[in-house]
Amino acid sequence: MSGGIQKFEVRSRVREELIDISRQVNAAIRASGVSSGLCTVFIPHTTAAVTINENADPDVPRDLVHAFRRAIPNEGFRHGEGNSDAHAKATLVGNSETIIVEDGMPLLGTWQGVFFCEFDGPRTRKVWVKVTPG
């Protein structure tokens, strides 16, 4: 199944949180059968995102959520659904990450992990992973 799209779901519990999806991304890389190439993690939602950051200290994801809330408070927007702050946060963080794959493993730094960023939960969300040989 070299290069196929792997899909999985993430369920958030609160409005804003970062969820470590490193294990699922690693599984998708293994399932692809690709030994060397690029892994794209894509979030097909307008109020969610994906980022790579420290996954050794659980305070880091909590601190990032706090920083996002301070940087973009949910106030002064015109969008009727009341979630414009979530759209802005998702735009700043981004809907995809590209990871180098070597020997069938993601090349991440010692402390790095892949995080799904929920900005408008709780919800069940989709994550798409495409591993391309090369």
N, C-alpha and C. Protein backbone atom coordinates (compact mmCIF):
# COMPACT_ATOMS: atom_id res chain seq x y z
N MET A 1 0.83 -1.19 0.00
CA MET A 1 0.00 0.00 0.00
C MET A 1 0.87 1.25 0.00
N SER A 2 1.98 1.21 -0.64
CA SER A 2 2.94 2.30 -0.67
C SER A 2 2.30 3.60 -1.15
N GLY A 3 2.35 4.62 -0.30
CA GLY A 3 1.88 5.95 -0.67
C GLY A 3 0.39 6.19 -0.49
N GLY A 4 -0.40 5.23 0.01
CA GLY A 4 -1.83 5.43 0.20
C GLY A 4 -2.13 6.39 1.34
N ILE A 5 -3.36 6.88 1.35
CA ILE A 5 -3.78 7.79 2.42
C ILE A 5 -4.28 6.97 3.59
N GLN A 6 -3.73 7.24 4.77
CA GLN A 6 -4.19 6.64 6.02
C GLN A 6 -5.07 7.67 6.71
N LYS A 7 -6.19 7.21 7.27
CA LYS A 7 -7.10 8.13 7.95
C LYS A 7 -7.38 7.62 9.35
N PHE A 8 -7.49 8.54 10.29
CA PHE A 8 -7.93 8.19 11.64
C PHE A 8 -8.68 9.37 12.23
N GLU A 9 -9.38 9.09 13.33
CA GLU A 9 -10.16 10.13 14.00
C GLU A 9 -9.55 10.48 15.34
N VAL A 10 -9.78 11.72 15.75
CA VAL A 10 -9.35 12.23 17.05
C VAL A 10 -10.59 12.80 17.73
N ARG A 11 -10.77 12.46 18.98
CA ARG A 11 -11.92 12.98 19.74
C ARG A 11 -11.40 13.93 20.82
N SER A 12 -11.81 15.18 20.72
CA SER A 12 -11.42 16.16 21.74
C SER A 12 -12.45 16.16 22.86
N ARG A 13 -12.00 16.57 24.04
CA ARG A 13 -12.87 16.56 25.23
C ARG A 13 -13.32 17.95 25.66
N VAL A 14 -12.57 18.97 25.26
CA VAL A 14 -12.87 20.35 25.65
C VAL A 14 -12.75 21.25 24.42
N ARG A 15 -13.06 22.53 24.58
CA ARG A 15 -13.06 23.45 23.43
C ARG A 15 -11.68 23.60 22.81
N GLU A 16 -10.64 23.74 23.65
CA GLU A 16 -9.29 23.95 23.14
C GLU A 16 -8.33 23.00 23.83
N GLU A 17 -7.64 22.20 23.02
CA GLU A 17 -6.63 21.31 23.58
C GLU A 17 -5.71 20.81 22.48
N LEU A 18 -4.52 20.43 22.89
CA LEU A 18 -3.57 19.79 21.99
C LEU A 18 -3.53 18.32 22.36
N ILE A 19 -3.69 17.46 21.35
CA ILE A 19 -3.75 16.02 21.56
C ILE A 19 -2.58 15.38 20.83
N ASP A 20 -1.78 14.63 21.54
CA ASP A 20 -0.61 13.96 20.95
C ASP A 20 -1.08 12.85 20.02
N ILE A 21 -0.79 12.97 18.73
CA ILE A 21 -1.16 11.96 17.75
C ILE A 21 0.06 11.27 17.15
N SER A 22 1.20 11.37 17.84
CA SER A 22 2.44 10.78 17.33
C SER A 22 2.31 9.28 17.08
N ARG A 23 1.66 8.58 17.99
CA ARG A 23 1.52 7.12 17.86
C ARG A 23 0.73 6.77 16.59
N GLN A 24 -0.36 7.50 16.32
CA GLN A 24 -1.16 7.23 15.14
C GLN A 24 -0.41 7.58 13.85
N VAL A 25 0.36 8.66 13.88
CA VAL A 25 1.16 9.04 12.71
C VAL A 25 2.22 7.98 12.45
N ASN A 26 2.89 7.53 13.50
CA ASN A 26 3.90 6.47 13.34
C ASN A 26 3.28 5.21 12.76
N ALA A 27 2.08 4.86 13.22
CA ALA A 27 1.39 3.67 12.71
C ALA A 27 1.05 3.84 11.22
N ALA A 28 0.64 5.03 10.83
CA ALA A 28 0.33 5.29 9.43
C ALA A 28 1.58 5.17 8.56
N ILE A 29 2.70 5.65 9.07
CA ILE A 29 3.96 5.52 8.33
C ILE A 29 4.31 4.05 8.15
N ARG A 30 4.21 3.27 9.23
CA ARG A 30 4.50 1.83 9.12
C ARG A 30 3.56 1.15 8.13
N ALA A 31 2.28 1.48 8.21
CA ALA A 31 1.29 0.85 7.33
C ALA A 31 1.52 1.20 5.87
N SER A 32 2.15 2.34 5.60
CA SER A 32 2.39 2.75 4.22
C SER A 32 3.42 1.87 3.54
N GLY A 33 4.31 1.28 4.32
CA GLY A 33 5.38 0.48 3.74
C GLY A 33 6.52 1.30 3.16
N VAL A 34 6.46 2.61 3.30
CA VAL A 34 7.50 3.49 2.76
C VAL A 34 8.67 3.53 3.72
N SER A 35 9.86 3.27 3.19
CA SER A 35 11.07 3.28 4.02
C SER A 35 11.71 4.67 4.06
N SER A 36 11.67 5.38 2.93
CA SER A 36 12.30 6.69 2.84
C SER A 36 11.40 7.60 2.02
N GLY A 37 11.09 8.77 2.57
CA GLY A 37 10.24 9.70 1.85
C GLY A 37 9.74 10.82 2.73
N LEU A 38 8.53 11.27 2.45
CA LEU A 38 7.92 12.36 3.20
C LEU A 38 6.54 11.96 3.68
N CYS A 39 6.22 12.36 4.89
CA CYS A 39 4.91 12.11 5.49
C CYS A 39 4.22 13.46 5.66
N THR A 40 3.04 13.58 5.05
CA THR A 40 2.23 14.78 5.22
C THR A 40 1.06 14.44 6.13
N VAL A 41 0.92 15.21 7.20
CA VAL A 41 -0.22 15.09 8.11
C VAL A 41 -1.11 16.28 7.82
N PHE A 42 -2.37 16.00 7.42
CA PHE A 42 -3.29 17.05 6.99
C PHE A 42 -4.57 17.00 7.83
N ILE A 43 -5.03 18.17 8.25
CA ILE A 43 -6.25 18.30 9.04
C ILE A 43 -7.31 18.96 8.16
N PRO A 44 -8.40 18.22 7.77
CA PRO A 44 -9.40 18.78 6.87
C PRO A 44 -10.51 19.53 7.59
N HIS A 45 -10.13 20.44 8.48
CA HIS A 45 -11.11 21.21 9.25
C HIS A 45 -10.64 22.66 9.32
N THR A 46 -11.58 23.61 9.43
CA THR A 46 -11.22 25.03 9.46
C THR A 46 -11.03 25.59 10.86
N THR A 47 -11.32 24.79 11.89
CA THR A 47 -11.12 25.27 13.27
C THR A 47 -10.23 24.31 14.06
N ALA A 48 -9.39 23.58 13.34
CA ALA A 48 -8.42 22.68 13.96
C ALA A 48 -7.13 22.76 13.16
N ALA A 49 -6.04 22.27 13.75
CA ALA A 49 -4.74 22.39 13.10
C ALA A 49 -3.84 21.26 13.55
N VAL A 50 -2.59 21.29 13.07
CA VAL A 50 -1.59 20.31 13.48
C VAL A 50 -0.26 21.03 13.66
N THR A 51 0.50 20.60 14.67
CA THR A 51 1.81 21.19 14.91
C THR A 51 2.76 20.14 15.46
N ILE A 52 4.04 20.43 15.38
CA ILE A 52 5.07 19.60 15.98
C ILE A 52 5.68 20.41 17.12
N ASN A 53 5.73 19.80 18.31
CA ASN A 53 6.30 20.50 19.46
C ASN A 53 6.71 19.48 20.51
N GLU A 54 7.14 19.96 21.65
CA GLU A 54 7.61 19.07 22.72
C GLU A 54 6.48 18.20 23.26
N ASN A 55 6.77 16.89 23.37
CA ASN A 55 5.77 15.99 23.94
C ASN A 55 6.28 15.30 25.20
N ALA A 56 7.39 15.78 25.77
CA ALA A 56 7.94 15.17 26.98
C ALA A 56 7.31 15.75 28.25
N ASP A 57 6.97 17.01 28.23
CA ASP A 57 6.40 17.69 29.40
C ASP A 57 4.96 18.06 29.10
N PRO A 58 3.98 17.50 29.83
CA PRO A 58 2.57 17.80 29.55
C PRO A 58 2.19 19.26 29.78
N ASP A 59 3.05 20.02 30.43
CA ASP A 59 2.77 21.44 30.60
C ASP A 59 2.93 22.22 29.29
N VAL A 60 3.75 21.74 28.37
CA VAL A 60 3.97 22.46 27.12
C VAL A 60 2.67 22.57 26.31
N PRO A 61 1.94 21.48 26.04
CA PRO A 61 0.67 21.65 25.31
C PRO A 61 -0.32 22.55 26.04
N ARG A 62 -0.39 22.44 27.35
CA ARG A 62 -1.29 23.31 28.12
C ARG A 62 -0.86 24.77 28.01
N ASP A 63 0.45 25.01 28.07
CA ASP A 63 0.96 26.37 27.94
C ASP A 63 0.68 26.94 26.54
N LEU A 64 0.78 26.10 25.52
CA LEU A 64 0.48 26.57 24.16
C LEU A 64 -0.99 26.97 24.03
N VAL A 65 -1.89 26.16 24.59
CA VAL A 65 -3.32 26.52 24.56
C VAL A 65 -3.52 27.86 25.27
N HIS A 66 -2.87 28.04 26.41
CA HIS A 66 -2.96 29.30 27.15
C HIS A 66 -2.46 30.46 26.28
N ALA A 67 -1.33 30.27 25.59
CA ALA A 67 -0.77 31.32 24.74
C ALA A 67 -1.71 31.66 23.59
N PHE A 68 -2.32 30.64 22.97
CA PHE A 68 -3.27 30.89 21.89
C PHE A 68 -4.47 31.70 22.39
N ARG A 69 -4.97 31.35 23.58
CA ARG A 69 -6.11 32.08 24.14
C ARG A 69 -5.76 33.54 24.40
N ARG A 70 -4.57 33.78 24.90
CA ARG A 70 -4.14 35.16 25.17
C ARG A 70 -3.91 35.94 23.88
N ALA A 71 -3.34 35.27 22.88
CA ALA A 71 -3.03 35.94 21.61
C ALA A 71 -4.30 36.26 20.82
N ILE A 72 -5.27 35.34 20.86
CA ILE A 72 -6.51 35.53 20.09
C ILE A 72 -7.70 35.22 20.99
N PRO A 73 -8.12 36.18 21.79
CA PRO A 73 -9.30 35.96 22.64
C PRO A 73 -10.57 35.88 21.79
N ASN A 74 -11.57 35.24 22.32
CA ASN A 74 -12.84 35.08 21.60
C ASN A 74 -13.73 36.30 21.85
N GLU A 75 -13.35 37.40 21.23
CA GLU A 75 -14.10 38.64 21.41
C GLU A 75 -13.93 39.54 20.20
N GLY A 76 -14.97 40.29 19.89
CA GLY A 76 -14.91 41.30 18.84
C GLY A 76 -15.05 40.78 17.42
N PHE A 77 -15.43 39.53 17.24
CA PHE A 77 -15.58 38.98 15.90
C PHE A 77 -17.03 39.10 15.44
N ARG A 78 -17.25 39.06 14.14
CA ARG A 78 -18.59 39.21 13.58
C ARG A 78 -19.22 37.89 13.16
N HIS A 79 -18.43 36.86 12.94
CA HIS A 79 -18.94 35.55 12.48
C HIS A 79 -20.01 35.03 13.43
N GLY A 80 -21.17 34.69 12.90
CA GLY A 80 -22.33 34.35 13.69
C GLY A 80 -22.21 33.10 14.54
N GLU A 81 -21.33 32.18 14.18
CA GLU A 81 -21.21 30.93 14.94
C GLU A 81 -20.46 31.10 16.26
N GLY A 82 -19.80 32.23 16.44
CA GLY A 82 -19.08 32.47 17.68
C GLY A 82 -17.77 31.73 17.81
N ASN A 83 -17.21 31.28 16.69
CA ASN A 83 -15.95 30.53 16.76
C ASN A 83 -14.87 31.14 15.86
N SER A 84 -14.95 32.43 15.61
CA SER A 84 -13.94 33.07 14.76
C SER A 84 -12.54 32.97 15.35
N ASP A 85 -12.45 32.99 16.68
CA ASP A 85 -11.13 32.82 17.29
C ASP A 85 -10.53 31.48 16.90
N ALA A 86 -11.37 30.44 16.81
CA ALA A 86 -10.89 29.11 16.42
C ALA A 86 -10.39 29.12 14.97
N HIS A 87 -11.10 29.82 14.09
CA HIS A 87 -10.64 29.93 12.71
C HIS A 87 -9.28 30.64 12.64
N ALA A 88 -9.13 31.71 13.40
CA ALA A 88 -7.87 32.46 13.40
C ALA A 88 -6.72 31.62 13.95
N LYS A 89 -6.97 30.91 15.04
CA LYS A 89 -5.92 30.05 15.63
C LYS A 89 -5.51 28.95 14.66
N ALA A 90 -6.49 28.33 14.01
CA ALA A 90 -6.19 27.27 13.05
C ALA A 90 -5.37 27.81 11.87
N THR A 91 -5.70 29.02 11.44
CA THR A 91 -4.95 29.63 10.34
C THR A 91 -3.51 29.91 10.75
N LEU A 92 -3.31 30.40 11.96
CA LEU A 92 -1.94 30.68 12.43
C LEU A 92 -1.10 29.42 12.57
N VAL A 93 -1.68 28.36 13.11
CA VAL A 93 -0.93 27.13 13.34
C VAL A 93 -0.74 26.37 12.03
N GLY A 94 -1.78 26.25 11.24
CA GLY A 94 -1.68 25.58 9.94
C GLY A 94 -2.34 24.21 9.93
N ASN A 95 -2.77 23.81 8.73
CA ASN A 95 -3.52 22.55 8.61
C ASN A 95 -2.69 21.37 8.17
N SER A 96 -1.35 21.54 8.03
CA SER A 96 -0.53 20.39 7.66
C SER A 96 0.89 20.52 8.19
N GLU A 97 1.52 19.36 8.31
CA GLU A 97 2.93 19.27 8.68
C GLU A 97 3.57 18.23 7.75
N THR A 98 4.80 18.46 7.39
CA THR A 98 5.56 17.51 6.59
C THR A 98 6.71 16.98 7.44
N ILE A 99 6.84 15.66 7.47
CA ILE A 99 7.86 15.01 8.29
C ILE A 99 8.71 14.12 7.39
N ILE A 100 10.01 14.21 7.51
CA ILE A 100 10.91 13.32 6.76
C ILE A 100 10.80 11.92 7.35
N VAL A 101 10.75 10.92 6.46
CA VAL A 101 10.71 9.51 6.87
C VAL A 101 12.00 8.84 6.40
N GLU A 102 12.67 8.17 7.31
CA GLU A 102 13.88 7.42 6.97
C GLU A 102 13.87 6.11 7.75
N ASP A 103 14.20 5.02 7.07
CA ASP A 103 14.15 3.69 7.68
C ASP A 103 12.77 3.39 8.27
N GLY A 104 11.72 3.88 7.60
CA GLY A 104 10.35 3.63 8.03
C GLY A 104 9.92 4.35 9.29
N MET A 105 10.68 5.34 9.72
CA MET A 105 10.39 6.08 10.95
C MET A 105 10.39 7.59 10.68
N PRO A 106 9.56 8.33 11.40
CA PRO A 106 9.59 9.79 11.25
C PRO A 106 10.88 10.36 11.85
N LEU A 107 11.48 11.30 11.18
CA LEU A 107 12.67 11.96 11.72
C LEU A 107 12.23 13.18 12.51
N LEU A 108 12.01 12.96 13.79
CA LEU A 108 11.64 14.04 14.70
C LEU A 108 12.76 14.21 15.72
N GLY A 109 12.84 15.40 16.30
CA GLY A 109 13.82 15.65 17.34
C GLY A 109 13.50 14.84 18.60
N THR A 110 14.46 14.76 19.48
CA THR A 110 14.35 13.95 20.70
C THR A 110 13.07 14.22 21.47
N TRP A 111 12.68 15.47 21.61
CA TRP A 111 11.53 15.82 22.44
C TRP A 111 10.28 16.10 21.63
N GLN A 112 10.35 15.94 20.30
CA GLN A 112 9.23 16.35 19.46
C GLN A 112 8.15 15.28 19.33
N GLY A 113 6.92 15.75 19.22
CA GLY A 113 5.77 14.92 18.92
C GLY A 113 4.84 15.68 17.99
N VAL A 114 3.88 14.97 17.43
CA VAL A 114 2.90 15.56 16.52
C VAL A 114 1.61 15.77 17.32
N PHE A 115 1.08 16.98 17.26
CA PHE A 115 -0.11 17.32 18.03
C PHE A 115 -1.25 17.78 17.12
N PHE A 116 -2.43 17.21 17.36
CA PHE A 116 -3.67 17.72 16.80
C PHE A 116 -4.09 18.89 17.68
N CYS A 117 -4.40 20.02 17.07
CA CYS A 117 -4.78 21.22 17.81
C CYS A 117 -6.27 21.47 17.64
N GLU A 118 -7.02 21.26 18.70
CA GLU A 118 -8.46 21.51 18.70
C GLU A 118 -8.72 22.92 19.21
N PHE A 119 -9.47 23.70 18.43
CA PHE A 119 -9.80 25.05 18.83
C PHE A 119 -11.30 25.30 18.92
N ASP A 120 -12.13 24.27 18.63
CA ASP A 120 -13.58 24.45 18.63
C ASP A 120 -14.29 23.15 19.02
N GLY A 121 -13.81 22.54 20.08
CA GLY A 121 -14.37 21.26 20.52
C GLY A 121 -15.43 21.44 21.58
N PRO A 122 -15.83 20.33 22.18
CA PRO A 122 -15.38 18.98 21.85
C PRO A 122 -16.04 18.46 20.57
N ARG A 123 -15.24 17.71 19.81
CA ARG A 123 -15.69 17.17 18.53
C ARG A 123 -14.92 15.89 18.21
N THR A 124 -15.43 15.17 17.23
CA THR A 124 -14.67 14.08 16.62
C THR A 124 -14.16 14.61 15.29
N ARG A 125 -12.84 14.53 15.10
CA ARG A 125 -12.20 15.14 13.93
C ARG A 125 -11.46 14.08 13.11
N LYS A 126 -11.13 14.44 11.89
CA LYS A 126 -10.40 13.57 10.98
C LYS A 126 -8.96 14.03 10.85
N VAL A 127 -8.08 13.06 10.67
CA VAL A 127 -6.68 13.32 10.35
C VAL A 127 -6.33 12.44 9.16
N TRP A 128 -5.72 13.04 8.15
CA TRP A 128 -5.30 12.29 6.97
C TRP A 128 -3.77 12.31 6.92
N VAL A 129 -3.20 11.15 6.63
CA VAL A 129 -1.74 11.01 6.54
C VAL A 129 -1.39 10.39 5.19
N LYS A 130 -0.51 11.04 4.47
CA LYS A 130 -0.03 10.56 3.17
C LYS A 130 1.47 10.43 3.24
N VAL A 131 1.98 9.24 2.98
CA VAL A 131 3.42 9.01 2.99
C VAL A 131 3.84 8.76 1.55
N THR A 132 4.77 9.60 1.08
CA THR A 132 5.20 9.55 -0.30
C THR A 132 6.65 9.07 -0.37
N PRO A 133 6.91 8.02 -1.13
CA PRO A 133 8.29 7.55 -1.24
C PRO A 133 9.18 8.59 -1.96
N GLY A 134 10.44 8.54 -1.63
CA GLY A 134 11.33 9.45 -2.37
C GLY A 134 12.69 9.58 -1.76
